[in-house]
Amino acid sequence: MAKQQVRLNKTVYGKISYPNVVDTEFRELVTPEAVTEIEEPMTVAEFFEEYDRLFFEIPRKGNFGSHEELVKRSSSYIGVTGQSDEMQALLDEINDLRVQLLTSQQEIVNLSSNT
């Protein structure tokens, strides 16, 4: 088999010249009559109205579309990480009360068994 050399030519267009040379519009996929009006983006007030309407339909937990995800994303955005100091203090108090309750219950058992 004889070797044959093939020359390839490549034309490269820059960011500015590309739209002038290549048609970037989508004219062939839909007819102009089929194009509907573009909706305006939702306002913040409209978002919260929709959120209130959908509140109980949103799952509590999950990686996508849940209240848990909303909390994580919002917390990350505003810079809240982990538990607040107030919440940690309350958790510490609950743990202390559990220890006291356990101690008291143990004393009751000990007093009951001694009689």
PDB file of N, CA and C in Angstrom:
ATOM      1  N   MET A   1       0.832  -1.160   0.000  1.00  0.00           N
ATOM      2  CA  MET A   1       0.000   0.000   0.000  1.00  0.00           C
ATOM      3  C   MET A   1       0.887   1.237   0.000  1.00  0.00           C
ATOM      4  N   ALA A   2       0.590   2.158  -0.868  1.00  0.00           N
ATOM      5  CA  ALA A   2       1.411   3.358  -1.007  1.00  0.00           C
ATOM      6  C   ALA A   2       1.003   4.383   0.049  1.00  0.00           C
ATOM      7  N   LYS A   3       2.015   5.060   0.566  1.00  0.00           N
ATOM      8  CA  LYS A   3       1.730   6.108   1.534  1.00  0.00           C
ATOM      9  C   LYS A   3       1.235   7.333   0.797  1.00  0.00           C
ATOM     10  N   GLN A   4       0.216   7.947   1.364  1.00  0.00           N
ATOM     11  CA  GLN A   4      -0.339   9.133   0.725  1.00  0.00           C
ATOM     12  C   GLN A   4      -0.430  10.218   1.801  1.00  0.00           C
ATOM     13  N   GLN A   5       0.035  11.370   1.498  1.00  0.00           N
ATOM     14  CA  GLN A   5       0.031  12.462   2.445  1.00  0.00           C
ATOM     15  C   GLN A   5      -1.258  13.262   2.254  1.00  0.00           C
ATOM     16  N   VAL A   6      -1.937  13.525   3.361  1.00  0.00           N
ATOM     17  CA  VAL A   6      -3.181  14.287   3.329  1.00  0.00           C
ATOM     18  C   VAL A   6      -2.952  15.585   4.077  1.00  0.00           C
ATOM     19  N   ARG A   7      -3.266  16.682   3.459  1.00  0.00           N
ATOM     20  CA  ARG A   7      -3.111  17.987   4.097  1.00  0.00           C
ATOM     21  C   ARG A   7      -4.476  18.447   4.612  1.00  0.00           C
ATOM     22  N   LEU A   8      -4.485  18.850   5.849  1.00  0.00           N
ATOM     23  CA  LEU A   8      -5.707  19.367   6.462  1.00  0.00           C
ATOM     24  C   LEU A   8      -5.535  20.847   6.725  1.00  0.00           C
ATOM     25  N   ASN A   9      -6.536  21.617   6.375  1.00  0.00           N
ATOM     26  CA  ASN A   9      -6.530  23.050   6.650  1.00  0.00           C
ATOM     27  C   ASN A   9      -7.609  23.352   7.681  1.00  0.00           C
ATOM     28  N   LYS A  10      -7.259  24.149   8.643  1.00  0.00           N
ATOM     29  CA  LYS A  10      -8.194  24.476   9.716  1.00  0.00           C
ATOM     30  C   LYS A  10      -8.302  25.992   9.815  1.00  0.00           C
ATOM     31  N   THR A  11      -9.534  26.486   9.769  1.00  0.00           N
ATOM     32  CA  THR A  11      -9.760  27.910   9.915  1.00  0.00           C
ATOM     33  C   THR A  11     -10.256  28.168  11.337  1.00  0.00           C
ATOM     34  N   VAL A  12      -9.617  29.059  12.052  1.00  0.00           N
ATOM     35  CA  VAL A  12      -9.975  29.375  13.426  1.00  0.00           C
ATOM     36  C   VAL A  12     -10.491  30.802  13.470  1.00  0.00           C
ATOM     37  N   TYR A  13     -11.627  30.972  14.122  1.00  0.00           N
ATOM     38  CA  TYR A  13     -12.219  32.299  14.264  1.00  0.00           C
ATOM     39  C   TYR A  13     -12.112  32.739  15.714  1.00  0.00           C
ATOM     40  N   GLY A  14     -11.880  33.993  15.935  1.00  0.00           N
ATOM     41  CA  GLY A  14     -11.787  34.544  17.275  1.00  0.00           C
ATOM     42  C   GLY A  14     -13.154  34.828  17.857  1.00  0.00           C
ATOM     43  N   LYS A  15     -13.175  35.226  19.090  1.00  0.00           N
ATOM     44  CA  LYS A  15     -14.404  35.500  19.814  1.00  0.00           C
ATOM     45  C   LYS A  15     -15.238  36.581  19.133  1.00  0.00           C
ATOM     46  N   ILE A  16     -14.571  37.570  18.577  1.00  0.00           N
ATOM     47  CA  ILE A  16     -15.286  38.695  17.952  1.00  0.00           C
ATOM     48  C   ILE A  16     -15.704  38.352  16.529  1.00  0.00           C
ATOM     49  N   SER A  17     -14.863  37.687  15.777  1.00  0.00           N
ATOM     50  CA  SER A  17     -15.185  37.405  14.377  1.00  0.00           C
ATOM     51  C   SER A  17     -16.141  36.226  14.211  1.00  0.00           C
ATOM     52  N   TYR A  18     -16.212  35.323  15.182  1.00  0.00           N
ATOM     53  CA  TYR A  18     -17.046  34.133  15.069  1.00  0.00           C
ATOM     54  C   TYR A  18     -18.518  34.460  14.783  1.00  0.00           C
ATOM     55  N   PRO A  19     -19.185  35.347  15.558  1.00  0.00           N
ATOM     56  CA  PRO A  19     -20.593  35.642  15.281  1.00  0.00           C
ATOM     57  C   PRO A  19     -20.807  36.316  13.922  1.00  0.00           C
ATOM     58  N   ASN A  20     -19.774  36.958  13.385  1.00  0.00           N
ATOM     59  CA  ASN A  20     -19.903  37.590  12.057  1.00  0.00           C
ATOM     60  C   ASN A  20     -19.843  36.558  10.940  1.00  0.00           C
ATOM     61  N   VAL A  21     -19.191  35.432  11.178  1.00  0.00           N
ATOM     62  CA  VAL A  21     -19.012  34.418  10.151  1.00  0.00           C
ATOM     63  C   VAL A  21     -20.047  33.286  10.280  1.00  0.00           C
ATOM     64  N   VAL A  22     -20.343  32.898  11.519  1.00  0.00           N
ATOM     65  CA  VAL A  22     -21.230  31.765  11.770  1.00  0.00           C
ATOM     66  C   VAL A  22     -22.564  32.288  12.302  1.00  0.00           C
ATOM     67  N   ASP A  23     -23.668  31.781  11.732  1.00  0.00           N
ATOM     68  CA  ASP A  23     -25.001  32.160  12.176  1.00  0.00           C
ATOM     69  C   ASP A  23     -25.279  31.449  13.500  1.00  0.00           C
ATOM     70  N   THR A  24     -25.466  32.206  14.573  1.00  0.00           N
ATOM     71  CA  THR A  24     -25.664  31.615  15.892  1.00  0.00           C
ATOM     72  C   THR A  24     -27.119  31.664  16.334  1.00  0.00           C
ATOM     73  N   GLU A  25     -28.029  32.057  15.481  1.00  0.00           N
ATOM     74  CA  GLU A  25     -29.452  32.127  15.823  1.00  0.00           C
ATOM     75  C   GLU A  25     -30.115  30.773  15.595  1.00  0.00           C
ATOM     76  N   PHE A  26     -31.146  30.461  16.357  1.00  0.00           N
ATOM     77  CA  PHE A  26     -31.903  29.225  16.204  1.00  0.00           C
ATOM     78  C   PHE A  26     -33.145  29.501  15.356  1.00  0.00           C
ATOM     79  N   ARG A  27     -32.975  29.568  14.089  1.00  0.00           N
ATOM     80  CA  ARG A  27     -34.091  29.836  13.182  1.00  0.00           C
ATOM     81  C   ARG A  27     -34.707  28.551  12.641  1.00  0.00           C
ATOM     82  N   GLU A  28     -33.958  27.487  12.608  1.00  0.00           N
ATOM     83  CA  GLU A  28     -34.413  26.269  11.970  1.00  0.00           C
ATOM     84  C   GLU A  28     -35.191  25.351  12.916  1.00  0.00           C
ATOM     85  N   LEU A  29     -35.045  25.509  14.212  1.00  0.00           N
ATOM     86  CA  LEU A  29     -35.694  24.601  15.139  1.00  0.00           C
ATOM     87  C   LEU A  29     -37.162  24.942  15.385  1.00  0.00           C
ATOM     88  N   VAL A  30     -37.499  26.201  15.412  1.00  0.00           N
ATOM     89  CA  VAL A  30     -38.873  26.627  15.667  1.00  0.00           C
ATOM     90  C   VAL A  30     -39.246  27.740  14.716  1.00  0.00           C
ATOM     91  N   THR A  31     -40.475  27.747  14.326  1.00  0.00           N
ATOM     92  CA  THR A  31     -40.936  28.844  13.481  1.00  0.00           C
ATOM     93  C   THR A  31     -41.175  30.057  14.353  1.00  0.00           C
ATOM     94  N   PRO A  32     -41.044  31.260  13.817  1.00  0.00           N
ATOM     95  CA  PRO A  32     -41.205  32.462  14.638  1.00  0.00           C
ATOM     96  C   PRO A  32     -42.568  32.542  15.316  1.00  0.00           C
ATOM     97  N   GLU A  33     -43.622  31.980  14.721  1.00  0.00           N
ATOM     98  CA  GLU A  33     -44.945  32.034  15.339  1.00  0.00           C
ATOM     99  C   GLU A  33     -44.998  31.197  16.613  1.00  0.00           C
ATOM    100  N   ALA A  34     -44.186  30.151  16.673  1.00  0.00           N
ATOM    101  CA  ALA A  34     -44.217  29.239  17.815  1.00  0.00           C
ATOM    102  C   ALA A  34     -43.491  29.807  19.034  1.00  0.00           C
ATOM    103  N   VAL A  35     -42.701  30.831  18.851  1.00  0.00           N
ATOM    104  CA  VAL A  35     -41.953  31.408  19.963  1.00  0.00           C
ATOM    105  C   VAL A  35     -42.920  32.204  20.832  1.00  0.00           C
ATOM    106  N   THR A  36     -42.961  31.854  22.113  1.00  0.00           N
ATOM    107  CA  THR A  36     -43.846  32.556  23.040  1.00  0.00           C
ATOM    108  C   THR A  36     -43.089  33.703  23.691  1.00  0.00           C
ATOM    109  N   GLU A  37     -43.834  34.543  24.365  1.00  0.00           N
ATOM    110  CA  GLU A  37     -43.208  35.668  25.054  1.00  0.00           C
ATOM    111  C   GLU A  37     -42.332  35.155  26.180  1.00  0.00           C
ATOM    112  N   ILE A  38     -41.225  35.804  26.390  1.00  0.00           N
ATOM    113  CA  ILE A  38     -40.319  35.429  27.471  1.00  0.00           C
ATOM    114  C   ILE A  38     -40.897  35.964  28.774  1.00  0.00           C
ATOM    115  N   GLU A  39     -40.994  35.066  29.774  1.00  0.00           N
ATOM    116  CA  GLU A  39     -41.521  35.475  31.069  1.00  0.00           C
ATOM    117  C   GLU A  39     -40.505  36.329  31.805  1.00  0.00           C
ATOM    118  N   GLU A  40     -41.028  37.288  32.524  1.00  0.00           N
ATOM    119  CA  GLU A  40     -40.167  38.120  33.366  1.00  0.00           C
ATOM    120  C   GLU A  40     -39.724  37.275  34.563  1.00  0.00           C
ATOM    121  N   PRO A  41     -38.516  37.487  35.051  1.00  0.00           N
ATOM    122  CA  PRO A  41     -38.079  36.728  36.223  1.00  0.00           C
ATOM    123  C   PRO A  41     -38.972  37.028  37.426  1.00  0.00           C
ATOM    124  N   MET A  42     -39.077  36.055  38.289  1.00  0.00           N
ATOM    125  CA  MET A  42     -39.904  36.171  39.490  1.00  0.00           C
ATOM    126  C   MET A  42     -39.278  37.194  40.440  1.00  0.00           C
ATOM    127  N   THR A  43     -40.105  38.027  41.042  1.00  0.00           N
ATOM    128  CA  THR A  43     -39.604  38.971  42.046  1.00  0.00           C
ATOM    129  C   THR A  43     -39.417  38.230  43.361  1.00  0.00           C
ATOM    130  N   VAL A  44     -38.742  38.863  44.296  1.00  0.00           N
ATOM    131  CA  VAL A  44     -38.526  38.251  45.601  1.00  0.00           C
ATOM    132  C   VAL A  44     -39.872  38.037  46.297  1.00  0.00           C
ATOM    133  N   ALA A  45     -40.761  39.010  46.200  1.00  0.00           N
ATOM    134  CA  ALA A  45     -42.087  38.874  46.815  1.00  0.00           C
ATOM    135  C   ALA A  45     -42.846  37.702  46.200  1.00  0.00           C
ATOM    136  N   GLU A  46     -42.785  37.566  44.883  1.00  0.00           N
ATOM    137  CA  GLU A  46     -43.455  36.450  44.204  1.00  0.00           C
ATOM    138  C   GLU A  46     -42.834  35.112  44.610  1.00  0.00           C
ATOM    139  N   PHE A  47     -41.508  35.106  44.768  1.00  0.00           N
ATOM    140  CA  PHE A  47     -40.836  33.886  45.203  1.00  0.00           C
ATOM    141  C   PHE A  47     -41.368  33.427  46.552  1.00  0.00           C
ATOM    142  N   PHE A  48     -41.472  34.354  47.512  1.00  0.00           N
ATOM    143  CA  PHE A  48     -41.935  33.970  48.839  1.00  0.00           C
ATOM    144  C   PHE A  48     -43.417  33.605  48.843  1.00  0.00           C
ATOM    145  N   GLU A  49     -44.213  34.211  47.988  1.00  0.00           N
ATOM    146  CA  GLU A  49     -45.612  33.804  47.852  1.00  0.00           C
ATOM    147  C   GLU A  49     -45.668  32.351  47.356  1.00  0.00           C
ATOM    148  N   GLU A  50     -44.846  32.038  46.361  1.00  0.00           N
ATOM    149  CA  GLU A  50     -44.805  30.681  45.811  1.00  0.00           C
ATOM    150  C   GLU A  50     -44.246  29.702  46.847  1.00  0.00           C
ATOM    151  N   TYR A  51     -43.245  30.125  47.592  1.00  0.00           N
ATOM    152  CA  TYR A  51     -42.668  29.296  48.654  1.00  0.00           C
ATOM    153  C   TYR A  51     -43.730  28.969  49.703  1.00  0.00           C
ATOM    154  N   ASP A  52     -44.503  29.986  50.119  1.00  0.00           N
ATOM    155  CA  ASP A  52     -45.570  29.759  51.092  1.00  0.00           C
ATOM    156  C   ASP A  52     -46.621  28.793  50.542  1.00  0.00           C
ATOM    157  N   ARG A  53     -46.928  28.912  49.263  1.00  0.00           N
ATOM    158  CA  ARG A  53     -47.925  28.040  48.639  1.00  0.00           C
ATOM    159  C   ARG A  53     -47.439  26.588  48.609  1.00  0.00           C
ATOM    160  N   LEU A  54     -46.132  26.396  48.352  1.00  0.00           N
ATOM    161  CA  LEU A  54     -45.568  25.055  48.205  1.00  0.00           C
ATOM    162  C   LEU A  54     -44.966  24.490  49.496  1.00  0.00           C
ATOM    163  N   PHE A  55     -44.999  25.260  50.577  1.00  0.00           N
ATOM    164  CA  PHE A  55     -44.269  24.926  51.798  1.00  0.00           C
ATOM    165  C   PHE A  55     -44.449  23.480  52.236  1.00  0.00           C
ATOM    166  N   PHE A  56     -45.696  22.999  52.322  1.00  0.00           N
ATOM    167  CA  PHE A  56     -45.930  21.652  52.831  1.00  0.00           C
ATOM    168  C   PHE A  56     -45.730  20.571  51.775  1.00  0.00           C
ATOM    169  N   GLU A  57     -45.550  20.956  50.529  1.00  0.00           N
ATOM    170  CA  GLU A  57     -45.259  19.991  49.469  1.00  0.00           C
ATOM    171  C   GLU A  57     -43.756  19.714  49.352  1.00  0.00           C
ATOM    172  N   ILE A  58     -42.947  20.601  49.909  1.00  0.00           N
ATOM    173  CA  ILE A  58     -41.489  20.447  49.862  1.00  0.00           C
ATOM    174  C   ILE A  58     -41.087  19.423  50.915  1.00  0.00           C
ATOM    175  N   PRO A  59     -40.313  18.401  50.525  1.00  0.00           N
ATOM    176  CA  PRO A  59     -39.882  17.396  51.513  1.00  0.00           C
ATOM    177  C   PRO A  59     -38.980  18.017  52.578  1.00  0.00           C
ATOM    178  N   ARG A  60     -39.056  17.478  53.787  1.00  0.00           N
ATOM    179  CA  ARG A  60     -38.235  17.999  54.886  1.00  0.00           C
ATOM    180  C   ARG A  60     -36.748  17.772  54.638  1.00  0.00           C
ATOM    181  N   LYS A  61     -36.409  16.537  54.237  1.00  0.00           N
ATOM    182  CA  LYS A  61     -34.996  16.186  54.067  1.00  0.00           C
ATOM    183  C   LYS A  61     -34.753  15.680  52.659  1.00  0.00           C
ATOM    184  N   GLY A  62     -33.495  15.806  52.225  1.00  0.00           N
ATOM    185  CA  GLY A  62     -33.105  15.336  50.910  1.00  0.00           C
ATOM    186  C   GLY A  62     -32.023  16.224  50.330  1.00  0.00           C
ATOM    187  N   ASN A  63     -31.367  15.717  49.296  1.00  0.00           N
ATOM    188  CA  ASN A  63     -30.273  16.467  48.684  1.00  0.00           C
ATOM    189  C   ASN A  63     -30.746  17.496  47.682  1.00  0.00           C
ATOM    190  N   PHE A  64     -31.960  17.319  47.154  1.00  0.00           N
ATOM    191  CA  PHE A  64     -32.437  18.251  46.134  1.00  0.00           C
ATOM    192  C   PHE A  64     -33.897  18.599  46.396  1.00  0.00           C
ATOM    193  N   GLY A  65     -34.199  19.876  46.401  1.00  0.00           N
ATOM    194  CA  GLY A  65     -35.582  20.319  46.513  1.00  0.00           C
ATOM    195  C   GLY A  65     -36.201  20.077  47.875  1.00  0.00           C
ATOM    196  N   SER A  66     -35.419  20.188  48.945  1.00  0.00           N
ATOM    197  CA  SER A  66     -35.951  19.957  50.286  1.00  0.00           C
ATOM    198  C   SER A  66     -35.704  21.180  51.169  1.00  0.00           C
ATOM    199  N   HIS A  67     -36.419  21.199  52.307  1.00  0.00           N
ATOM    200  CA  HIS A  67     -36.191  22.277  53.276  1.00  0.00           C
ATOM    201  C   HIS A  67     -34.754  22.210  53.797  1.00  0.00           C
ATOM    202  N   GLU A  68     -34.262  20.992  53.978  1.00  0.00           N
ATOM    203  CA  GLU A  68     -32.892  20.807  54.462  1.00  0.00           C
ATOM    204  C   GLU A  68     -31.894  21.464  53.504  1.00  0.00           C
ATOM    205  N   GLU A  69     -32.106  21.275  52.206  1.00  0.00           N
ATOM    206  CA  GLU A  69     -31.207  21.876  51.215  1.00  0.00           C
ATOM    207  C   GLU A  69     -31.299  23.396  51.255  1.00  0.00           C
ATOM    208  N   LEU A  70     -32.522  23.921  51.394  1.00  0.00           N
ATOM    209  CA  LEU A  70     -32.690  25.377  51.479  1.00  0.00           C
ATOM    210  C   LEU A  70     -31.930  25.950  52.673  1.00  0.00           C
ATOM    211  N   VAL A  71     -32.023  25.264  53.798  1.00  0.00           N
ATOM    212  CA  VAL A  71     -31.322  25.730  55.005  1.00  0.00           C
ATOM    213  C   VAL A  71     -29.820  25.716  54.781  1.00  0.00           C
ATOM    214  N   LYS A  72     -29.303  24.615  54.199  1.00  0.00           N
ATOM    215  CA  LYS A  72     -27.859  24.518  53.958  1.00  0.00           C
ATOM    216  C   LYS A  72     -27.382  25.603  53.002  1.00  0.00           C
ATOM    217  N   ARG A  73     -28.123  25.801  51.911  1.00  0.00           N
ATOM    218  CA  ARG A  73     -27.705  26.794  50.917  1.00  0.00           C
ATOM    219  C   ARG A  73     -27.765  28.202  51.482  1.00  0.00           C
ATOM    220  N   SER A  74     -28.846  28.517  52.194  1.00  0.00           N
ATOM    221  CA  SER A  74     -28.993  29.855  52.770  1.00  0.00           C
ATOM    222  C   SER A  74     -27.970  30.088  53.869  1.00  0.00           C
ATOM    223  N   SER A  75     -27.735  29.070  54.694  1.00  0.00           N
ATOM    224  CA  SER A  75     -26.743  29.194  55.769  1.00  0.00           C
ATOM    225  C   SER A  75     -25.361  29.439  55.195  1.00  0.00           C
ATOM    226  N   SER A  76     -25.046  28.722  54.150  1.00  0.00           N
ATOM    227  CA  SER A  76     -23.753  28.895  53.495  1.00  0.00           C
ATOM    228  C   SER A  76     -23.633  30.300  52.914  1.00  0.00           C
ATOM    229  N   TYR A  77     -24.715  30.783  52.333  1.00  0.00           N
ATOM    230  CA  TYR A  77     -24.688  32.106  51.688  1.00  0.00           C
ATOM    231  C   TYR A  77     -24.503  33.228  52.698  1.00  0.00           C
ATOM    232  N   ILE A  78     -25.180  33.123  53.863  1.00  0.00           N
ATOM    233  CA  ILE A  78     -25.072  34.205  54.843  1.00  0.00           C
ATOM    234  C   ILE A  78     -23.929  33.997  55.822  1.00  0.00           C
ATOM    235  N   GLY A  79     -23.231  32.865  55.697  1.00  0.00           N
ATOM    236  CA  GLY A  79     -22.039  32.650  56.510  1.00  0.00           C
ATOM    237  C   GLY A  79     -22.300  31.981  57.843  1.00  0.00           C
ATOM    238  N   VAL A  80     -23.442  31.330  58.003  1.00  0.00           N
ATOM    239  CA  VAL A  80     -23.722  30.611  59.242  1.00  0.00           C
ATOM    240  C   VAL A  80     -23.201  29.193  59.081  1.00  0.00           C
ATOM    241  N   THR A  81     -22.337  28.792  59.998  1.00  0.00           N
ATOM    242  CA  THR A  81     -21.818  27.435  59.934  1.00  0.00           C
ATOM    243  C   THR A  81     -22.071  26.761  61.267  1.00  0.00           C
ATOM    244  N   GLY A  82     -22.540  25.548  61.212  1.00  0.00           N
ATOM    245  CA  GLY A  82     -22.752  24.788  62.434  1.00  0.00           C
ATOM    246  C   GLY A  82     -23.849  25.381  63.285  1.00  0.00           C
ATOM    247  N   GLN A  83     -23.718  25.192  64.586  1.00  0.00           N
ATOM    248  CA  GLN A  83     -24.734  25.648  65.517  1.00  0.00           C
ATOM    249  C   GLN A  83     -24.326  26.973  66.130  1.00  0.00           C
ATOM    250  N   SER A  84     -25.320  27.775  66.427  1.00  0.00           N
ATOM    251  CA  SER A  84     -25.040  29.057  67.056  1.00  0.00           C
ATOM    252  C   SER A  84     -24.615  28.825  68.500  1.00  0.00           C
ATOM    253  N   ASP A  85     -24.024  29.837  69.109  1.00  0.00           N
ATOM    254  CA  ASP A  85     -23.582  29.740  70.501  1.00  0.00           C
ATOM    255  C   ASP A  85     -24.773  29.491  71.427  1.00  0.00           C
ATOM    256  N   GLU A  86     -25.895  30.154  71.126  1.00  0.00           N
ATOM    257  CA  GLU A  86     -27.094  29.994  71.951  1.00  0.00           C
ATOM    258  C   GLU A  86     -27.601  28.546  71.886  1.00  0.00           C
ATOM    259  N   MET A  87     -27.604  27.988  70.683  1.00  0.00           N
ATOM    260  CA  MET A  87     -28.069  26.615  70.521  1.00  0.00           C
ATOM    261  C   MET A  87     -27.127  25.655  71.224  1.00  0.00           C
ATOM    262  N   GLN A  88     -25.841  25.882  71.132  1.00  0.00           N
ATOM    263  CA  GLN A  88     -24.867  25.010  71.798  1.00  0.00           C
ATOM    264  C   GLN A  88     -25.032  25.090  73.305  1.00  0.00           C
ATOM    265  N   ALA A  89     -25.294  26.287  73.837  1.00  0.00           N
ATOM    266  CA  ALA A  89     -25.505  26.435  75.280  1.00  0.00           C
ATOM    267  C   ALA A  89     -26.738  25.648  75.722  1.00  0.00           C
ATOM    268  N   LEU A  90     -27.787  25.682  74.920  1.00  0.00           N
ATOM    269  CA  LEU A  90     -29.003  24.930  75.250  1.00  0.00           C
ATOM    270  C   LEU A  90     -28.742  23.425  75.200  1.00  0.00           C
ATOM    271  N   LEU A  91     -27.996  22.971  74.221  1.00  0.00           N
ATOM    272  CA  LEU A  91     -27.654  21.550  74.143  1.00  0.00           C
ATOM    273  C   LEU A  91     -26.808  21.118  75.335  1.00  0.00           C
ATOM    274  N   ASP A  92     -25.881  21.964  75.752  1.00  0.00           N
ATOM    275  CA  ASP A  92     -25.059  21.656  76.933  1.00  0.00           C
ATOM    276  C   ASP A  92     -25.931  21.564  78.182  1.00  0.00           C
ATOM    277  N   GLU A  93     -26.905  22.483  78.299  1.00  0.00           N
ATOM    278  CA  GLU A  93     -27.808  22.464  79.442  1.00  0.00           C
ATOM    279  C   GLU A  93     -28.656  21.189  79.450  1.00  0.00           C
ATOM    280  N   ILE A  94     -29.138  20.769  78.292  1.00  0.00           N
ATOM    281  CA  ILE A  94     -29.916  19.526  78.181  1.00  0.00           C
ATOM    282  C   ILE A  94     -29.070  18.342  78.636  1.00  0.00           C
ATOM    283  N   ASN A  95     -27.822  18.297  78.200  1.00  0.00           N
ATOM    284  CA  ASN A  95     -26.937  17.209  78.616  1.00  0.00           C
ATOM    285  C   ASN A  95     -26.702  17.207  80.118  1.00  0.00           C
ATOM    286  N   ASP A  96     -26.527  18.395  80.721  1.00  0.00           N
ATOM    287  CA  ASP A  96     -26.344  18.487  82.168  1.00  0.00           C
ATOM    288  C   ASP A  96     -27.590  17.990  82.900  1.00  0.00           C
ATOM    289  N   LEU A  97     -28.761  18.376  82.405  1.00  0.00           N
ATOM    290  CA  LEU A  97     -30.011  17.942  83.032  1.00  0.00           C
ATOM    291  C   LEU A  97     -30.206  16.434  82.906  1.00  0.00           C
ATOM    292  N   ARG A  98     -29.790  15.861  81.798  1.00  0.00           N
ATOM    293  CA  ARG A  98     -29.873  14.404  81.626  1.00  0.00           C
ATOM    294  C   ARG A  98     -28.984  13.695  82.649  1.00  0.00           C
ATOM    295  N   VAL A  99     -27.785  14.236  82.856  1.00  0.00           N
ATOM    296  CA  VAL A  99     -26.866  13.642  83.835  1.00  0.00           C
ATOM    297  C   VAL A  99     -27.470  13.731  85.231  1.00  0.00           C
ATOM    298  N   GLN A 100     -28.057  14.889  85.576  1.00  0.00           N
ATOM    299  CA  GLN A 100     -28.692  15.069  86.888  1.00  0.00           C
ATOM    300  C   GLN A 100     -29.854  14.090  87.060  1.00  0.00           C
ATOM    301  N   LEU A 101     -30.661  13.922  86.004  1.00  0.00           N
ATOM    302  CA  LEU A 101     -31.792  13.003  86.071  1.00  0.00           C
ATOM    303  C   LEU A 101     -31.319  11.573  86.279  1.00  0.00           C
ATOM    304  N   LEU A 102     -30.296  11.191  85.552  1.00  0.00           N
ATOM    305  CA  LEU A 102     -29.753   9.847  85.687  1.00  0.00           C
ATOM    306  C   LEU A 102     -29.212   9.615  87.095  1.00  0.00           C
ATOM    307  N   THR A 103     -28.531  10.612  87.632  1.00  0.00           N
ATOM    308  CA  THR A 103     -27.996  10.513  88.994  1.00  0.00           C
ATOM    309  C   THR A 103     -29.136  10.375  90.004  1.00  0.00           C
ATOM    310  N   SER A 104     -30.168  11.178  89.830  1.00  0.00           N
ATOM    311  CA  SER A 104     -31.323  11.117  90.740  1.00  0.00           C
ATOM    312  C   SER A 104     -32.024   9.775  90.649  1.00  0.00           C
ATOM    313  N   GLN A 105     -32.187   9.265  89.449  1.00  0.00           N
ATOM    314  CA  GLN A 105     -32.823   7.957  89.279  1.00  0.00           C
ATOM    315  C   GLN A 105     -31.989   6.860  89.923  1.00  0.00           C
ATOM    316  N   GLN A 106     -30.688   6.960  89.823  1.00  0.00           N
ATOM    317  CA  GLN A 106     -29.794   5.974  90.450  1.00  0.00           C
ATOM    318  C   GLN A 106     -29.913   6.041  91.966  1.00  0.00           C
ATOM    319  N   GLU A 107     -30.039   7.249  92.527  1.00  0.00           N
ATOM    320  CA  GLU A 107     -30.205   7.408  93.978  1.00  0.00           C
ATOM    321  C   GLU A 107     -31.521   6.793  94.430  1.00  0.00           C
ATOM    322  N   ILE A 108     -32.579   6.959  93.657  1.00  0.00           N
ATOM    323  CA  ILE A 108     -33.877   6.387  93.986  1.00  0.00           C
ATOM    324  C   ILE A 108     -33.787   4.864  93.986  1.00  0.00           C
ATOM    325  N   VAL A 109     -33.125   4.294  92.995  1.00  0.00           N
ATOM    326  CA  VAL A 109     -32.952   2.847  92.945  1.00  0.00           C
ATOM    327  C   VAL A 109     -32.155   2.363  94.153  1.00  0.00           C
ATOM    328  N   ASN A 110     -31.087   3.069  94.485  1.00  0.00           N
ATOM    329  CA  ASN A 110     -30.258   2.676  95.624  1.00  0.00           C
ATOM    330  C   ASN A 110     -31.044   2.757  96.927  1.00  0.00           C
ATOM    331  N   LEU A 111     -31.841   3.823  97.112  1.00  0.00           N
ATOM    332  CA  LEU A 111     -32.627   3.971  98.349  1.00  0.00           C
ATOM    333  C   LEU A 111     -33.719   2.912  98.423  1.00  0.00           C
ATOM    334  N   SER A 112     -34.305   2.583  97.273  1.00  0.00           N
ATOM    335  CA  SER A 112     -35.384   1.588  97.236  1.00  0.00           C
ATOM    336  C   SER A 112     -34.839   0.197  97.576  1.00  0.00           C
ATOM    337  N   SER A 113     -33.664  -0.101  97.117  1.00  0.00           N
ATOM    338  CA  SER A 113     -33.088  -1.427  97.336  1.00  0.00           C
ATOM    339  C   SER A 113     -32.544  -1.585  98.743  1.00  0.00           C
ATOM    340  N   ASN A 114     -32.283  -0.503  99.450  1.00  0.00           N
ATOM    341  CA  ASN A 114     -31.745  -0.578 100.815  1.00  0.00           C
ATOM    342  C   ASN A 114     -32.838  -0.810 101.841  1.00  0.00           C
ATOM    343  N   THR A 115     -34.081  -0.578 101.515  1.00  0.00           N
ATOM    344  CA  THR A 115     -35.140  -0.741 102.494  1.00  0.00           C
ATOM    345  C   THR A 115     -35.700  -2.113 102.563  1.00  0.00           C
TER     346      THR A 115
END
